[in-house]
Protein backbone atom coordinates (compact mmCIF):
# COMPACT_ATOMS: atom_id res chain seq x y z
CA MET A 1 0.14 0.18 0.32
CA TYR A 2 1.58 3.13 -1.19
CA THR A 3 1.45 5.82 1.54
CA GLY A 4 3.83 8.91 0.31
CA GLU A 5 4.27 11.75 2.06
CA PRO A 6 1.04 14.19 1.32
CA VAL A 7 2.02 17.11 -0.93
CA ALA A 8 -0.01 20.55 -0.61
CA SER A 9 -2.67 21.95 -2.61
CA HIS A 10 -1.26 22.62 -5.74
CA VAL A 11 -3.18 24.99 -8.18
CA LEU A 12 -1.64 26.37 -11.85
CA PRO A 13 -3.24 29.53 -12.74
CA PHE A 14 -4.51 28.47 -15.85
CA GLU A 15 -6.35 25.73 -14.03
CA LYS A 16 -8.33 27.45 -10.76
CA PRO A 17 -11.08 28.26 -12.43
CA VAL A 18 -11.78 24.06 -12.82
CA VAL A 19 -10.68 23.19 -9.18
CA GLU A 20 -13.16 26.06 -7.69
CA LEU A 21 -16.04 24.19 -9.23
CA VAL A 22 -14.40 20.71 -8.12
CA GLN A 23 -14.06 22.05 -5.08
CA ARG A 24 -17.88 22.90 -4.65
CA VAL A 25 -18.36 19.32 -6.43
CA ARG A 26 -16.80 17.55 -3.42
CA GLU A 27 -18.53 20.05 -0.81
CA LEU A 28 -21.81 19.53 -2.48
CA ARG A 29 -21.43 15.67 -3.40
CA SER A 30 -20.06 15.36 0.52
CA LEU A 31 -23.71 16.57 1.58
CA ALA A 32 -26.12 15.23 -0.86
CA GLU A 33 -24.67 11.87 1.43
CA SER A 34 -26.77 12.82 3.78
CA ASP A 35 -30.10 15.19 1.27
CA ARG A 36 -31.51 13.12 -0.96
CA ARG A 37 -32.89 16.54 -2.36
CA LEU A 38 -29.53 18.37 -3.06
CA GLU A 39 -28.74 14.96 -6.43
CA PRO A 40 -30.36 17.09 -8.98
CA GLU A 41 -28.51 20.29 -8.36
CA LEU A 42 -25.33 17.91 -7.82
CA ARG A 43 -25.48 16.56 -11.22
CA LYS A 44 -26.20 20.25 -12.95
CA LEU A 45 -22.64 21.64 -11.03
CA GLU A 46 -21.05 18.01 -12.11
CA GLU A 47 -22.05 18.96 -15.80
CA LYS A 48 -21.28 22.29 -15.57
CA CYS A 49 -18.61 21.51 -13.69
CA GLY A 50 -16.88 18.69 -17.21
CA ARG A 51 -17.93 21.04 -19.44
CA LEU A 52 -16.09 24.45 -18.34
CA ALA A 53 -13.05 22.00 -17.85
CA ARG A 54 -13.41 20.87 -21.75
CA GLU A 55 -13.62 24.17 -22.55
CA LEU A 56 -10.85 26.21 -20.58
CA PHE A 57 -8.73 22.73 -21.31
CA ALA A 58 -9.60 22.40 -24.79
CA ASP A 59 -7.10 25.67 -26.25
CA LEU A 60 -4.13 24.43 -23.41
CA SER A 61 -0.40 25.05 -25.19
CA PRO A 62 2.02 22.48 -25.67
CA TRP A 63 3.88 23.81 -22.43
CA GLN A 64 0.41 24.29 -20.44
CA LYS A 65 -0.09 20.47 -20.82
CA VAL A 66 3.93 19.55 -19.86
CA GLN A 67 2.92 21.32 -16.49
CA LEU A 68 -0.12 19.20 -16.03
CA SER A 69 1.71 15.98 -16.87
CA ARG A 70 3.83 17.33 -13.86
CA HIS A 71 1.74 18.23 -11.17
CA PRO A 72 2.86 16.71 -8.30
CA ASN A 73 -1.02 15.78 -7.40
CA ARG A 74 -1.47 13.62 -10.16
CA PRO A 75 -1.78 10.01 -9.66
CA TYR A 76 1.57 8.22 -10.14
CA THR A 77 2.55 4.69 -10.89
CA LEU A 78 1.98 3.50 -6.79
CA ASP A 79 -1.56 4.61 -7.11
CA TYR A 80 -2.00 2.93 -10.24
CA ILE A 81 -1.23 -0.57 -9.08
CA ASN A 82 -3.22 -0.07 -6.16
CA ALA A 83 -6.26 1.09 -8.21
CA LEU A 84 -5.75 -1.97 -10.53
CA PHE A 85 -4.36 -4.50 -9.79
CA GLU A 86 -4.39 -7.29 -6.90
CA ASP A 87 -1.81 -9.59 -4.53
CA PHE A 88 1.01 -6.89 -6.04
CA VAL A 89 4.65 -7.97 -4.41
CA GLU A 90 7.13 -5.45 -5.05
CA LEU A 91 10.29 -6.92 -5.87
CA HIS A 92 13.66 -4.79 -5.32
CA GLY A 93 17.55 -4.69 -6.08
CA ASP A 94 19.26 -5.30 -9.34
CA ARG A 95 21.16 -7.98 -7.78
CA SER A 96 25.00 -6.49 -9.13
CA PHE A 97 24.95 -2.46 -6.77
CA GLY A 98 21.69 -1.99 -4.93
CA GLU A 99 17.89 -1.11 -4.93
CA ASP A 100 16.65 2.07 -6.57
CA ALA A 101 13.53 3.47 -5.87
CA SER A 102 12.47 5.53 -8.29
CA ILE A 103 11.30 2.08 -10.53
CA VAL A 104 8.80 0.36 -8.40
CA ALA A 105 8.09 -3.28 -9.96
CA GLY A 106 6.76 -6.74 -8.74
CA LEU A 107 4.48 -9.44 -9.70
CA ALA A 108 0.66 -8.89 -8.89
CA ARG A 109 -2.66 -10.15 -10.23
CA TYR A 110 -4.35 -7.98 -13.15
CA HIS A 111 -8.04 -9.25 -13.29
CA GLY A 112 -7.38 -13.06 -12.45
CA ARG A 113 -4.13 -12.89 -14.59
CA SER A 114 -0.41 -13.21 -13.16
CA VAL A 115 1.06 -9.70 -14.22
CA LEU A 116 4.56 -8.10 -13.70
CA VAL A 117 3.96 -4.49 -13.02
CA ILE A 118 7.09 -2.06 -13.24
CA GLY A 119 6.75 1.52 -13.29
CA HIS A 120 8.77 5.40 -12.52
CA GLN A 121 7.96 6.91 -8.81
CA LYS A 122 7.90 10.32 -8.11
CA GLY A 123 7.79 11.24 -4.96
CA ARG A 124 4.97 13.20 -2.39
CA GLY A 125 6.80 15.77 -0.27
CA ALA A 126 10.42 17.08 -0.47
CA LYS A 127 12.06 13.95 2.23
CA GLU A 128 10.32 11.08 -0.70
CA ASN A 129 11.51 13.04 -3.78
CA VAL A 130 14.94 12.36 -2.50
CA LYS A 131 14.24 9.10 -1.48
CA ARG A 132 12.77 8.43 -5.14
CA ASN A 133 15.17 10.79 -7.15
CA PHE A 134 12.51 12.73 -8.61
CA GLY A 135 11.61 9.75 -10.75
CA MET A 136 15.22 10.09 -12.34
CA PRO A 137 16.29 6.18 -12.21
CA ASN A 138 19.83 4.94 -10.82
CA PRO A 139 21.58 2.54 -13.55
CA GLU A 140 21.04 -0.22 -11.07
CA GLY A 141 17.11 0.59 -11.03
CA TYR A 142 17.20 0.49 -15.48
CA ARG A 143 19.13 -3.62 -14.00
CA LYS A 144 16.37 -4.49 -11.63
CA ALA A 145 14.06 -3.70 -15.07
CA ARG A 146 15.89 -5.60 -16.82
CA ARG A 147 16.39 -8.09 -14.41
CA LEU A 148 12.11 -8.51 -13.99
CA TYR A 149 11.48 -8.28 -17.91
CA ASP A 150 14.13 -11.26 -17.82
CA LEU A 151 11.87 -13.01 -15.25
CA ALA A 152 8.64 -12.39 -16.83
CA SER A 153 9.45 -13.54 -20.16
CA ARG A 154 10.99 -16.69 -18.85
CA PHE A 155 7.42 -17.15 -16.61
CA GLY A 156 4.82 -16.13 -19.90
CA LEU A 157 3.93 -12.85 -17.68
CA PRO A 158 2.41 -10.21 -19.25
CA ILE A 159 4.27 -6.50 -18.04
CA PHE A 160 2.67 -3.22 -17.89
CA THR A 161 4.86 -0.57 -17.25
CA PHE A 162 3.95 3.34 -15.88
CA ILE A 163 6.00 5.58 -17.79
CA ASP A 164 6.46 8.72 -15.17
CA THR A 165 10.36 10.64 -15.77
CA PRO A 166 12.24 13.71 -16.77
CA GLY A 167 14.53 11.46 -17.87
CA ALA A 168 17.40 8.68 -16.31
CA TYR A 169 19.37 10.66 -13.64
CA PRO A 170 22.74 12.25 -14.94
CA GLY A 171 24.55 12.61 -11.95
CA LEU A 172 28.61 11.64 -12.37
CA GLY A 173 28.32 8.26 -10.01
CA ALA A 174 25.20 7.27 -12.68
CA GLU A 175 27.75 7.66 -15.90
CA GLU A 176 30.37 5.59 -13.87
CA ARG A 177 27.96 2.74 -13.04
CA GLY A 178 27.24 2.16 -17.31
CA GLN A 179 23.67 4.31 -16.87
CA SER A 180 23.65 3.84 -21.04
CA GLU A 181 24.55 0.46 -21.33
CA ALA A 182 21.94 0.07 -18.14
CA ILE A 183 19.14 1.46 -20.33
CA GLY A 184 20.23 -0.20 -23.72
CA ALA A 185 20.37 -4.09 -21.93
CA CYS A 186 16.02 -2.88 -21.07
CA LEU A 187 15.99 -1.71 -24.47
CA ALA A 188 17.31 -5.42 -26.16
CA ALA A 189 15.62 -7.36 -22.74
CA MET A 190 11.73 -5.43 -23.90
CA ALA A 191 12.18 -6.15 -27.63
CA ARG A 192 13.44 -9.93 -27.03
CA ALA A 193 10.05 -10.75 -24.63
CA PRO A 194 7.69 -12.94 -25.92
CA VAL A 195 4.88 -11.60 -23.83
CA PRO A 196 2.36 -8.87 -23.96
CA ILE A 197 3.65 -5.52 -22.76
CA LEU A 198 1.77 -3.04 -22.56
CA ALA A 199 3.06 1.00 -21.33
CA THR A 200 1.41 3.85 -20.82
CA ILE A 201 2.46 7.36 -20.03
CA ILE A 202 1.29 8.73 -17.01
CA GLY A 203 2.46 12.36 -16.97
CA GLU A 204 5.96 12.76 -18.64
CA GLY A 205 8.05 10.74 -20.36
CA GLY A 206 11.38 11.71 -20.59
CA SER A 207 14.41 10.33 -22.94
CA GLY A 208 16.15 7.38 -22.84
CA GLY A 209 14.71 7.12 -19.16
CA ALA A 210 11.43 6.64 -20.47
CA LEU A 211 12.12 4.52 -23.20
CA ALA A 212 13.67 2.00 -21.03
CA LEU A 213 10.10 1.31 -19.85
CA GLY A 214 8.40 1.72 -23.01
CA VAL A 215 9.31 -1.13 -26.04
CA ALA A 216 5.93 -2.03 -25.96
CA ASN A 217 3.79 -3.79 -28.40
CA ARG A 218 0.47 -1.52 -27.19
CA VAL A 219 1.83 1.86 -26.14
CA ASN A 220 -1.18 4.27 -24.35
CA VAL A 221 -0.54 8.44 -23.23
CA LEU A 222 -2.94 9.83 -21.06
CA GLU A 223 -4.65 12.56 -22.27
CA TYR A 224 -2.63 15.07 -20.90
CA GLY A 225 0.77 13.59 -20.87
CA THR A 226 3.60 13.89 -22.47
CA TYR A 227 6.57 11.95 -24.05
CA SER A 228 9.61 13.62 -25.78
CA VAL A 229 13.61 12.88 -26.78
CA ILE A 230 14.50 15.52 -23.90
CA SER A 231 12.43 18.00 -22.21
CA PRO A 232 11.18 20.96 -23.57
CA GLU A 233 14.00 23.00 -20.48
CA GLY A 234 17.00 21.21 -22.21
CA CYS A 235 16.13 21.09 -25.53
CA ALA A 236 16.10 25.16 -25.09
CA SER A 237 19.43 25.53 -23.53
CA ILE A 238 21.12 23.41 -26.46
CA LEU A 239 18.93 25.36 -29.48
CA TRP A 240 19.17 29.03 -28.24
CA LYS A 241 21.42 28.60 -25.17
CA ASP A 242 18.37 29.81 -23.04
CA SER A 243 16.40 26.84 -20.67
CA ALA A 244 13.79 30.55 -20.90
CA LYS A 245 12.42 29.13 -23.94
CA ALA A 246 10.82 25.64 -23.10
CA GLU A 247 8.24 27.16 -24.31
CA GLU A 248 8.94 27.34 -27.68
CA ALA A 249 10.54 24.15 -27.25
CA ALA A 250 7.83 22.25 -26.47
CA LEU A 251 5.96 23.52 -29.22
CA ARG A 252 8.49 22.42 -31.52
CA LEU A 253 9.11 19.43 -30.05
CA ARG A 254 5.67 17.86 -30.71
CA ILE A 255 5.44 16.18 -27.36
CA THR A 256 1.46 16.52 -26.28
CA ALA A 257 -0.77 13.63 -27.14
CA PRO A 258 -2.85 14.42 -30.39
CA GLU A 259 0.77 14.91 -31.64
CA LEU A 260 2.08 11.91 -30.45
CA LEU A 261 -1.13 10.30 -31.73
CA HIS A 262 -0.56 11.70 -35.35
CA LEU A 263 3.13 10.77 -35.48
CA LYS A 264 1.91 7.41 -34.73
CA ILE A 265 4.15 6.94 -31.86
CA VAL A 266 1.43 5.80 -29.38
CA GLU A 267 -1.90 3.69 -30.07
CA THR A 268 -4.48 5.38 -27.68
CA ILE A 269 -5.04 8.18 -26.16
CA ILE A 270 -6.69 7.85 -22.86
CA GLU A 271 -8.96 11.01 -21.75
CA GLU A 272 -8.55 12.33 -17.97
CA PRO A 273 -11.53 13.37 -15.68
CA ALA A 274 -12.38 17.35 -16.30
CA GLY A 275 -9.52 19.30 -14.93
CA GLY A 276 -6.86 16.66 -15.05
CA ALA A 277 -6.31 13.28 -13.58
CA HIS A 278 -5.63 14.75 -10.16
CA GLN A 279 -9.06 16.15 -10.18
CA ASP A 280 -10.48 12.32 -9.81
CA PRO A 281 -7.63 9.61 -9.49
CA ALA A 282 -10.51 7.44 -9.11
CA LEU A 283 -12.21 8.06 -12.40
CA ALA A 284 -8.83 8.05 -13.62
CA ALA A 285 -7.91 4.54 -13.16
CA ARG A 286 -10.95 3.76 -13.94
CA LEU A 287 -10.11 4.68 -17.51
CA VAL A 288 -6.88 3.70 -17.77
CA ASP A 289 -8.36 0.06 -16.62
CA ALA A 290 -10.46 -0.17 -19.74
CA SER A 291 -8.29 0.90 -22.07
CA LEU A 292 -5.37 -2.00 -20.63
CA THR A 293 -8.33 -4.23 -20.26
CA GLU A 294 -9.34 -4.10 -24.59
CA ALA A 295 -5.41 -4.08 -24.83
CA ILE A 296 -5.03 -7.32 -23.00
CA GLU A 297 -7.55 -9.19 -24.94
CA GLN A 298 -6.08 -8.30 -28.50
CA LEU A 299 -2.49 -9.40 -27.48
CA GLN A 300 -3.28 -12.69 -25.28
CA MET A 301 -4.18 -13.96 -28.61
CA LYS A 302 -1.03 -13.59 -30.44
CA SER A 303 1.89 -15.97 -30.36
CA PRO A 304 5.36 -14.88 -28.37
CA SER A 305 6.82 -15.04 -31.82
CA GLU A 306 4.03 -12.71 -33.05
CA LEU A 307 4.44 -10.36 -30.29
CA VAL A 308 8.26 -10.54 -30.96
CA ASN A 309 7.67 -9.62 -34.53
CA GLU A 310 4.80 -6.65 -34.17
CA ARG A 311 6.70 -4.60 -31.38
CA TYR A 312 9.53 -4.91 -33.83
CA ASP A 313 8.20 -3.74 -36.78
CA ARG A 314 5.85 -1.16 -34.42
CA PHE A 315 9.72 0.68 -33.65
CA ARG A 316 10.93 0.12 -37.18
CA ALA A 317 8.40 2.50 -38.76
CA LEU A 318 8.58 5.30 -36.28
CA GLY A 319 9.80 7.83 -38.12
CA SER A 320 9.68 7.25 -41.43
CA PHE A 321 9.00 9.95 -44.04
CA VAL A 322 7.36 9.65 -47.74
CA GLY A 323 10.58 11.31 -50.12
CA PRO A 324 9.53 13.29 -52.90
CA SER A 325 8.48 10.75 -56.02
CA ALA A 326 11.15 9.73 -58.57
CA ARG A 327 11.27 11.65 -62.15
């Protein structure tokens, strides 16, 4: 059971009107439990809240969506594990160096199936964020992931991954212990795994640190999730020598869910509750569950060789383009 530190209420400027309405709905819902006469008003307010949220969020800029993907109140991997899976048993360590708390993984049951679940984990509050290294794994985290990919392959367990990281940790110690090799080993292990793999981008997916959990047969992204080869700040620092231009970089990187679907980097966009997943985590979990259930049913019908070949073809096709016609 996830018992992370509570995080202080955090409201982005552009979501204030929605947050105020959501709060009113919650207050009225608690009153309606004891007074059924309030239910008609509650339904009207819920409809108004959803309508307003859709209108306000319809024109969000890529940078605003980046901010939503990083919202400290968003559900994290352990929140989804608690909501969607049963009998979760967390497994630790890479058998080489140590444990990395920024990646959580373990065995669980999903609608009666034995599965492997693995995902990036950020912290809530300063103390836990330090423990989780702000969701930025070290090599030992990726070596733990690779070890468990091989375990799932050996026992024929479907793999569910949840992506939510700014990227792999870029510190000196991480480089000394082989960060790039550890990520590469994850990519290879996922590519050859003869089992269904489903990846879901629940927040931000940054660089190879995200891709180490993303070589899947199906990649889903939440409505306000992002996925990119580099963070907007990092891109701006490289292109313009000025991280303050992150907003422009976010636009040019094409990292939002609609762009990812258009570029065929993801298969499905999972709709979020009005105002984002953090406004109603329980509903967000149900929407994720519906998408995963449909996908696993389709993938379970494929043979191991079909799963591997499909995965290979999927990633070979990324970035393809049509050149000028021959004259």
